[in-house]
Amino acid sequence: MRGEFGQTIENEPEKSSIKKIVGDVEKEKKEEIKKEFAKIFNEQKFECLKKKEIEKTAEQIETIKFINDETNKLLEKYGLPKFNISSDNVHILEEKDYKPEAGWYMPYYQSVFLYINRIPKEFRNSNLSFANFIFHKFIHFKSFQSIRYLESQKRKTIADKTDRAQTGLRFQKKSGDVIFDNLNEGITEELTKKFHKDILEKHPLFSKKIEENKKILKETEAEGKIDKSIIDDVYDIEEAEGMNHGMIYMYLQQRKVLNNLIEKLYSKNTDKFENKEEVFDLFAKSVFTGKLNWGKLVNRTFGKGTFKKLAQVDENVDKLEKFVSNLK
Protein backbone atom coordinates (compact mmCIF):
# COMPACT_ATOMS: atom_id res chain seq x y z
CA MET A 1 0.00 0.00 0.00
CA ARG A 2 1.31 3.48 -0.84
CA GLY A 3 0.34 6.85 0.64
CA GLU A 4 -0.01 10.37 -0.74
CA PHE A 5 3.74 11.03 -0.54
CA GLY A 6 4.59 7.85 -2.47
CA GLN A 7 5.95 6.10 0.62
CA THR A 8 5.39 2.48 1.54
CA ILE A 9 3.04 1.99 4.47
CA GLU A 10 3.65 -1.09 6.58
CA ASN A 11 1.98 -2.30 9.75
CA GLU A 12 4.52 -4.80 11.02
CA PRO A 13 5.04 -4.47 14.80
CA GLU A 14 8.48 -3.32 15.92
CA LYS A 15 10.47 -4.38 18.98
CA SER A 16 11.15 -0.80 20.18
CA SER A 17 14.21 1.36 19.61
CA ILE A 18 16.19 -0.09 22.55
CA LYS A 19 18.99 -2.28 21.20
CA LYS A 20 20.84 -3.10 24.40
CA ILE A 21 20.34 -3.30 28.18
CA VAL A 22 23.47 -2.52 30.18
CA GLY A 23 24.22 -2.98 33.84
CA ASP A 24 24.45 -5.95 36.19
CA VAL A 25 21.33 -7.68 34.89
CA GLU A 26 20.74 -11.35 34.10
CA LYS A 27 20.05 -12.30 30.49
CA GLU A 28 16.46 -13.34 31.27
CA LYS A 29 15.80 -9.98 32.93
CA LYS A 30 17.22 -8.12 29.93
CA GLU A 31 14.82 -9.95 27.64
CA GLU A 32 11.95 -9.09 29.99
CA ILE A 33 12.91 -5.41 29.90
CA LYS A 34 13.08 -5.44 26.10
CA LYS A 35 9.58 -6.92 25.97
CA GLU A 36 8.30 -4.14 28.25
CA PHE A 37 9.74 -1.50 25.93
CA ALA A 38 8.25 -3.29 22.92
CA LYS A 39 4.85 -3.15 24.62
CA ILE A 40 5.24 0.58 25.30
CA PHE A 41 6.35 1.18 21.71
CA ASN A 42 3.35 -0.59 20.22
CA GLU A 43 0.57 0.36 22.65
CA GLN A 44 1.34 4.05 23.40
CA LYS A 45 -1.20 4.22 26.21
CA PHE A 46 -0.55 7.28 28.37
CA GLU A 47 -3.46 8.33 30.57
CA CYS A 48 -1.83 11.68 31.38
CA LEU A 49 -2.01 12.79 27.73
CA LYS A 50 -5.74 12.36 27.22
CA LYS A 51 -6.66 15.99 27.93
CA LYS A 52 -3.50 17.55 26.49
CA GLU A 53 -3.00 15.75 23.20
CA ILE A 54 -4.18 17.32 19.94
CA GLU A 55 -5.51 15.05 17.21
CA LYS A 56 -3.15 14.90 14.27
CA THR A 57 -4.37 16.03 10.87
CA ALA A 58 -4.42 13.67 7.88
CA GLU A 59 -1.58 15.72 6.38
CA GLN A 60 0.53 15.33 9.51
CA ILE A 61 -0.05 11.58 9.55
CA GLU A 62 1.00 11.31 5.92
CA THR A 63 4.05 13.45 6.65
CA ILE A 64 5.10 11.17 9.50
CA LYS A 65 4.82 8.17 7.18
CA PHE A 66 6.89 10.02 4.61
CA ILE A 67 9.58 10.88 7.19
CA ASN A 68 9.58 7.28 8.38
CA ASP A 69 10.47 6.12 4.86
CA GLU A 70 13.11 8.81 4.38
CA THR A 71 14.85 8.00 7.66
CA ASN A 72 14.73 4.31 6.75
CA LYS A 73 16.70 5.21 3.62
CA LEU A 74 19.43 6.59 5.89
CA LEU A 75 19.48 3.34 7.86
CA GLU A 76 19.84 1.44 4.60
CA LYS A 77 22.64 3.78 3.45
CA TYR A 78 24.62 2.96 6.58
CA GLY A 79 24.00 -0.78 6.35
CA LEU A 80 21.24 -1.14 8.94
CA PRO A 81 17.75 -2.70 8.75
CA LYS A 82 14.75 -0.41 8.54
CA PHE A 83 12.88 0.55 11.70
CA ASN A 84 9.29 1.69 11.20
CA ILE A 85 7.77 4.30 13.51
CA SER A 86 4.03 4.88 13.44
CA SER A 87 2.24 8.22 13.72
CA ASP A 88 0.86 6.78 16.99
CA ASN A 89 4.34 7.31 18.46
CA VAL A 90 4.12 11.06 17.82
CA HIS A 91 2.12 13.13 20.32
CA ILE A 92 1.23 16.77 19.68
CA LEU A 93 0.50 18.68 22.86
CA GLU A 94 -0.86 22.13 23.57
CA GLU A 95 0.35 23.76 26.79
CA LYS A 96 -0.48 27.18 28.24
CA ASP A 97 3.10 27.71 29.36
CA TYR A 98 6.10 27.46 27.04
CA LYS A 99 8.33 24.47 27.50
CA PRO A 100 12.16 24.74 27.38
CA GLU A 101 12.16 23.12 23.94
CA ALA A 102 9.71 22.59 21.10
CA GLY A 103 9.69 18.90 21.88
CA TRP A 104 11.54 15.74 22.74
CA TYR A 105 12.15 12.16 21.78
CA MET A 106 11.75 10.19 25.02
CA PRO A 107 13.15 6.65 24.92
CA TYR A 108 11.36 5.62 28.15
CA TYR A 109 8.02 6.26 26.47
CA GLN A 110 9.14 5.35 22.94
CA SER A 111 7.55 8.57 21.75
CA VAL A 112 8.13 11.95 20.19
CA PHE A 113 6.39 14.86 21.94
CA LEU A 114 5.80 18.18 20.17
CA TYR A 115 4.70 21.24 22.16
CA ILE A 116 2.91 23.26 19.50
CA ASN A 117 2.93 26.51 21.52
CA ARG A 118 6.72 26.54 21.47
CA ILE A 119 6.83 27.02 17.71
CA PRO A 120 6.62 30.67 16.55
CA LYS A 121 3.11 31.49 15.30
CA GLU A 122 4.40 32.29 11.82
CA PHE A 123 5.42 28.63 11.36
CA ARG A 124 3.04 26.81 13.71
CA ASN A 125 0.73 25.58 10.95
CA SER A 126 3.53 24.87 8.50
CA ASN A 127 3.79 21.25 7.47
CA LEU A 128 7.33 22.09 6.37
CA SER A 129 8.37 22.95 9.95
CA PHE A 130 6.57 19.83 11.15
CA ALA A 131 8.44 17.65 8.63
CA ASN A 132 11.85 18.99 9.69
CA PHE A 133 11.02 18.61 13.37
CA ILE A 134 9.85 15.01 12.96
CA PHE A 135 12.89 14.15 10.84
CA HIS A 136 15.27 15.42 13.55
CA LYS A 137 13.44 13.50 16.29
CA PHE A 138 13.18 10.34 14.20
CA ILE A 139 16.96 10.37 13.77
CA HIS A 140 17.20 10.24 17.56
CA PHE A 141 14.47 7.59 17.63
CA LYS A 142 16.29 5.40 15.09
CA SER A 143 19.79 5.96 16.43
CA PHE A 144 21.60 3.29 18.43
CA GLN A 145 20.20 3.17 21.96
CA SER A 146 21.05 1.37 25.16
CA ILE A 147 19.32 1.58 28.53
CA ARG A 148 20.87 1.16 31.98
CA TYR A 149 18.71 -0.84 34.37
CA LEU A 150 18.47 0.55 37.91
CA GLU A 151 16.94 -2.07 40.18
CA SER A 152 15.09 -0.68 43.20
CA GLN A 153 12.08 -1.82 45.20
CA LYS A 154 10.81 1.77 45.31
CA ARG A 155 10.69 2.00 41.54
CA LYS A 156 7.49 0.85 39.83
CA THR A 157 7.39 1.46 36.08
CA ILE A 158 10.06 0.60 33.53
CA ALA A 159 10.62 4.32 33.01
CA ASP A 160 11.46 4.66 36.71
CA LYS A 161 13.77 1.65 36.65
CA THR A 162 15.92 2.67 33.70
CA ASP A 163 18.23 5.46 32.68
CA ARG A 164 19.64 6.36 29.29
CA ALA A 165 23.10 4.93 28.70
CA GLN A 166 23.60 5.75 25.01
CA THR A 167 21.59 7.49 22.30
CA GLY A 168 23.56 7.85 19.10
CA LEU A 169 26.86 9.47 20.12
CA ARG A 170 25.40 10.65 23.42
CA PHE A 171 26.67 8.70 26.44
CA GLN A 172 25.34 9.08 29.95
CA LYS A 173 27.61 7.70 32.67
CA LYS A 174 26.44 6.11 35.92
CA SER A 175 27.38 9.37 37.62
CA GLY A 176 24.91 11.22 35.38
CA ASP A 177 27.63 13.02 33.42
CA VAL A 178 26.90 13.22 29.70
CA ILE A 179 29.44 13.21 26.86
CA PHE A 180 29.12 13.83 23.12
CA ASP A 181 25.64 15.33 23.44
CA ASN A 182 26.68 18.46 21.51
CA LEU A 183 28.31 16.55 18.66
CA ASN A 184 25.32 14.20 18.56
CA GLU A 185 22.90 17.13 18.11
CA GLY A 186 25.19 18.73 15.54
CA ILE A 187 25.22 15.59 13.40
CA THR A 188 21.47 15.08 13.78
CA GLU A 189 20.67 18.62 12.65
CA GLU A 190 23.16 18.44 9.77
CA LEU A 191 21.31 15.33 8.58
CA THR A 192 18.06 17.29 8.92
CA LYS A 193 19.47 20.19 6.93
CA LYS A 194 20.64 17.85 4.17
CA PHE A 195 17.20 16.25 4.09
CA HIS A 196 15.57 19.67 3.79
CA LYS A 197 17.83 20.82 0.95
CA ASP A 198 18.08 17.53 -0.95
CA ILE A 199 14.53 16.20 -0.53
CA LEU A 200 12.02 18.78 0.69
CA GLU A 201 13.17 21.66 -1.53
CA LYS A 202 12.61 19.45 -4.57
CA HIS A 203 9.36 17.87 -3.37
CA PRO A 204 6.24 19.38 -5.01
CA LEU A 205 4.25 19.21 -1.77
CA PHE A 206 6.85 21.25 0.14
CA SER A 207 8.62 23.49 -2.40
CA LYS A 208 5.75 26.01 -2.53
CA LYS A 209 5.74 26.36 1.25
CA ILE A 210 9.50 26.85 1.21
CA GLU A 211 9.11 29.84 -1.08
CA GLU A 212 6.37 31.22 1.18
CA ASN A 213 8.61 30.78 4.21
CA LYS A 214 11.46 32.65 2.56
CA LYS A 215 9.13 35.61 2.10
CA ILE A 216 7.78 35.35 5.65
CA LEU A 217 11.25 35.19 7.14
CA LYS A 218 12.43 38.27 5.26
CA GLU A 219 9.29 40.32 5.93
CA THR A 220 8.78 39.44 9.59
CA GLU A 221 12.47 39.81 10.42
CA ALA A 222 12.53 43.25 8.78
CA GLU A 223 9.36 44.32 10.59
CA GLY A 224 10.36 42.79 13.90
CA LYS A 225 7.24 40.62 14.08
CA ILE A 226 8.99 37.37 15.02
CA ASP A 227 9.56 36.91 18.73
CA LYS A 228 13.34 36.60 18.57
CA SER A 229 13.55 35.58 22.22
CA ILE A 230 11.77 32.36 21.24
CA ILE A 231 13.65 31.83 17.99
CA ASP A 232 17.09 32.49 19.46
CA ASP A 233 16.36 30.15 22.35
CA VAL A 234 14.83 27.31 20.40
CA TYR A 235 16.36 27.51 16.96
CA ASP A 236 19.73 29.29 17.20
CA ILE A 237 18.73 31.19 14.09
CA GLU A 238 21.22 31.24 11.24
CA GLU A 239 19.74 34.19 9.40
CA ALA A 240 21.38 34.09 5.96
CA GLU A 241 21.20 30.32 5.66
CA GLY A 242 17.70 30.05 7.11
CA MET A 243 16.23 32.79 4.97
CA ASN A 244 17.74 31.42 1.79
CA HIS A 245 16.12 28.05 2.33
CA GLY A 246 12.85 29.03 3.98
CA MET A 247 13.70 27.19 7.17
CA ILE A 248 15.41 27.95 10.47
CA TYR A 249 18.01 25.33 11.38
CA MET A 250 18.81 24.45 14.97
CA TYR A 251 22.07 23.91 16.86
CA LEU A 252 24.11 26.50 14.97
CA GLN A 253 27.14 26.38 17.28
CA GLN A 254 27.18 22.58 17.46
CA ARG A 255 27.05 22.31 13.66
CA LYS A 256 29.79 24.91 13.32
CA VAL A 257 32.06 22.87 15.60
CA LEU A 258 31.22 19.63 13.79
CA ASN A 259 31.93 21.10 10.35
CA ASN A 260 35.19 22.61 11.58
CA LEU A 261 36.29 19.23 12.93
CA ILE A 262 35.33 17.52 9.67
CA GLU A 263 37.19 20.16 7.64
CA LYS A 264 40.36 19.62 9.65
CA LEU A 265 40.12 15.83 9.49
CA TYR A 266 39.62 15.94 5.74
CA SER A 267 42.43 18.42 5.07
CA LYS A 268 44.89 16.14 6.90
CA ASN A 269 43.59 12.91 5.34
CA THR A 270 42.96 13.75 1.68
CA ASP A 271 44.74 10.52 0.75
CA LYS A 272 42.04 8.54 2.59
CA PHE A 273 38.89 10.48 1.64
CA GLU A 274 37.63 11.75 -1.71
CA ASN A 275 35.63 14.58 -0.11
CA LYS A 276 34.38 15.97 3.22
CA GLU A 277 31.08 14.11 2.80
CA GLU A 278 32.90 10.82 3.36
CA VAL A 279 34.25 12.13 6.67
CA PHE A 280 30.77 13.29 7.67
CA ASP A 281 29.44 9.81 6.87
CA LEU A 282 31.79 8.35 9.50
CA PHE A 283 30.10 10.50 12.14
CA ALA A 284 26.58 9.94 10.81
CA LYS A 285 27.01 6.17 10.64
CA SER A 286 28.20 6.08 14.25
CA VAL A 287 24.91 7.71 15.33
CA PHE A 288 23.02 4.70 13.99
CA THR A 289 25.50 1.93 14.89
CA GLY A 290 26.70 3.27 18.24
CA LYS A 291 30.31 2.50 17.23
CA LEU A 292 32.55 5.55 17.48
CA ASN A 293 35.08 4.41 14.87
CA TRP A 294 35.86 8.01 13.96
CA GLY A 295 37.64 8.27 17.31
CA LYS A 296 40.58 6.35 15.86
CA LEU A 297 40.78 8.82 13.00
CA VAL A 298 40.81 11.71 15.48
CA ASN A 299 43.68 10.19 17.45
CA ARG A 300 45.70 9.31 14.33
CA THR A 301 45.23 12.83 12.99
CA PHE A 302 45.77 14.97 16.08
CA GLY A 303 47.62 12.68 18.45
CA LYS A 304 46.88 9.98 21.00
CA GLY A 305 44.42 11.08 23.67
CA THR A 306 42.69 13.72 21.53
CA PHE A 307 39.49 11.69 21.33
CA LYS A 308 39.33 11.43 25.13
CA LYS A 309 39.89 15.18 25.52
CA LEU A 310 37.21 15.83 22.90
CA ALA A 311 34.75 13.80 24.99
CA GLN A 312 35.67 15.76 28.11
CA VAL A 313 35.11 19.21 26.60
CA ASP A 314 31.92 18.28 24.73
CA GLU A 315 29.92 18.90 27.91
CA ASN A 316 30.30 22.64 27.28
CA VAL A 317 29.79 23.75 23.67
CA ASP A 318 31.96 26.86 24.11
CA LYS A 319 34.87 24.77 25.40
CA LEU A 320 34.26 22.28 22.60
CA GLU A 321 34.38 25.03 19.98
CA LYS A 322 37.63 26.42 21.39
CA PHE A 323 39.22 22.95 21.61
CA VAL A 324 38.39 22.06 17.99
CA SER A 325 39.54 25.48 16.77
CA ASN A 326 42.94 24.90 18.40
CA LEU A 327 43.48 21.45 16.90
CA LYS A 328 46.57 21.38 14.68
Foldseek 3Di string as FASTA:
>chain_A
DADPQRFDDDDDQDQFQADAEDDPDDPVVRVVLSNQLSCLQPPVDDPVCPVWFDDDDPLLQNLLRVLLRVVQVVCVVLPHHRDGHHCSQETEGEDPDDDLEQWACDRLNSHTYGHLVLDWPVCSPPVLQVSLVSNLRVLQRQFHWYKYAADDPVDDDSSRGIDTADGQQWGADPVRDIWPPLLLSLLSLVVSVCCLVVPQCPRPVRVVLQVVLLVVLVVCVVVVVTPVVSCCSHQVAPNVVCSVRSHGTHSPLSNVLVVLLLVQLCVQPVVPDVDSVVVSVLSSSSRRVVDNVCLVSVCVRQHPPLSVVLRVQRSDSVSNSVSSVPGD
